[in-house]
Amino acid sequence: MAKKIHDQSFYQRFHQQLLDTSSWPATYVFKFIIPSSGNAQDMLMQLFEDETVTSLVRKSSKGKYTSISIEGTFAHPDVIIEKYKASAKIPNIIQL
């Protein structure tokens, strides 16, 4: 599966959508799918270690993939975009 790399215009549109749809600070839910093997889950959770978040972790029926939802209150859309850009560096991650 090819990894989709978002360009600057995508993040500018996303930033504006976040501003238009929420009052900041706001609650936001990140959703990811990662391979169950390896250290991707640890890498992902480290990105949020300085935030107050709750996470829901579920393995797929065959155990090959893990779905992770991370919910928290964030100060500004820039924080959301920063987390997405940082998580994109994790090998084989799918951002939903």
Protein backbone atom coordinates (compact mmCIF):
# COMPACT_ATOMS: atom_id res chain seq x y z
CA MET A 1 0.00 0.00 0.00
CA ALA A 2 1.46 3.33 -1.02
CA LYS A 3 1.70 5.94 1.68
CA LYS A 4 -0.06 9.19 0.86
CA ILE A 5 2.02 12.25 1.61
CA HIS A 6 0.03 15.41 2.23
CA ASP A 7 1.31 18.66 0.81
CA GLN A 8 1.21 22.11 2.38
CA SER A 9 -2.07 23.05 0.69
CA PHE A 10 -3.78 20.03 2.28
CA TYR A 11 -2.68 21.16 5.73
CA GLN A 12 -3.77 24.75 5.04
CA ARG A 13 -7.27 23.56 4.06
CA PHE A 14 -7.41 21.22 7.04
CA HIS A 15 -6.34 24.05 9.38
CA GLN A 16 -9.12 26.27 8.05
CA GLN A 17 -11.69 23.47 8.41
CA LEU A 18 -10.66 22.97 12.02
CA LEU A 19 -11.02 26.70 12.69
CA ASP A 20 -14.43 26.79 10.99
CA THR A 21 -15.89 23.76 12.74
CA SER A 22 -14.67 24.12 16.33
CA SER A 23 -14.18 26.63 19.12
CA TRP A 24 -10.65 26.33 20.44
CA PRO A 25 -9.53 24.78 22.72
CA ALA A 26 -11.49 21.80 21.41
CA THR A 27 -11.77 18.07 21.80
CA TYR A 28 -10.38 16.12 18.86
CA VAL A 29 -10.20 12.39 18.13
CA PHE A 30 -7.26 11.02 16.16
CA LYS A 31 -7.70 7.62 14.51
CA PHE A 32 -4.89 5.43 13.27
CA ILE A 33 -4.32 1.91 12.04
CA ILE A 34 -0.90 0.35 12.53
CA PRO A 35 0.63 -3.11 12.14
CA SER A 36 0.33 -5.02 15.42
CA SER A 37 3.91 -6.24 15.22
CA GLY A 38 6.81 -3.86 15.80
CA ASN A 39 7.03 -0.72 17.89
CA ALA A 40 4.63 1.56 15.98
CA GLN A 41 2.20 1.70 18.91
CA ASP A 42 4.94 2.84 21.30
CA MET A 43 6.13 5.44 18.80
CA LEU A 44 2.59 6.76 18.35
CA MET A 45 1.84 6.96 22.06
CA GLN A 46 5.11 8.85 22.66
CA LEU A 47 3.78 11.64 20.43
CA PHE A 48 0.99 12.20 22.96
CA GLU A 49 2.90 11.62 26.20
CA ASP A 50 2.82 15.33 27.11
CA GLU A 51 -0.93 15.58 26.47
CA THR A 52 -3.89 14.53 28.60
CA VAL A 53 -5.55 12.00 26.33
CA THR A 54 -7.55 8.82 26.45
CA SER A 55 -6.86 6.03 24.02
CA LEU A 56 -8.83 3.08 22.73
CA VAL A 57 -6.76 0.26 21.29
CA ARG A 58 -8.33 -2.63 19.37
CA LYS A 59 -6.68 -5.42 17.43
CA SER A 60 -8.17 -6.68 14.18
CA SER A 61 -9.90 -10.04 14.18
CA LYS A 62 -6.76 -11.81 12.88
CA GLY A 63 -4.45 -9.69 15.05
CA LYS A 64 -2.41 -8.33 12.15
CA TYR A 65 -3.45 -4.70 12.64
CA THR A 66 -4.26 -2.47 15.59
CA SER A 67 -6.72 0.41 15.56
CA ILE A 68 -5.91 3.28 17.92
CA SER A 69 -8.21 6.19 18.72
CA ILE A 70 -6.72 9.01 20.78
CA GLU A 71 -9.00 11.69 22.20
CA GLY A 72 -8.00 14.85 23.99
CA THR A 73 -8.57 18.57 24.30
CA PHE A 74 -6.11 20.61 22.26
CA ALA A 75 -5.41 24.33 22.36
CA HIS A 76 -5.29 25.12 18.65
CA PRO A 77 -5.54 23.49 15.19
CA ASP A 78 -1.76 23.83 14.85
CA VAL A 79 -1.35 21.17 17.54
CA ILE A 80 -3.58 18.78 15.59
CA ILE A 81 -1.62 19.30 12.39
CA GLU A 82 1.69 18.95 14.23
CA LYS A 83 0.58 15.56 15.62
CA TYR A 84 -0.52 14.35 12.17
CA LYS A 85 2.78 15.41 10.59
CA ALA A 86 4.78 13.70 13.34
CA SER A 87 2.72 10.52 13.18
CA ALA A 88 3.16 10.35 9.40
CA LYS A 89 6.82 9.50 10.04
CA ILE A 90 5.85 6.22 11.72
CA PRO A 91 6.38 3.34 9.27
CA ASN A 92 3.21 1.75 7.85
CA ILE A 93 0.78 3.97 9.77
CA ILE A 94 -2.60 4.76 8.28
CA GLN A 95 -4.16 8.05 9.42
CA LEU A 96 -7.93 8.21 9.28
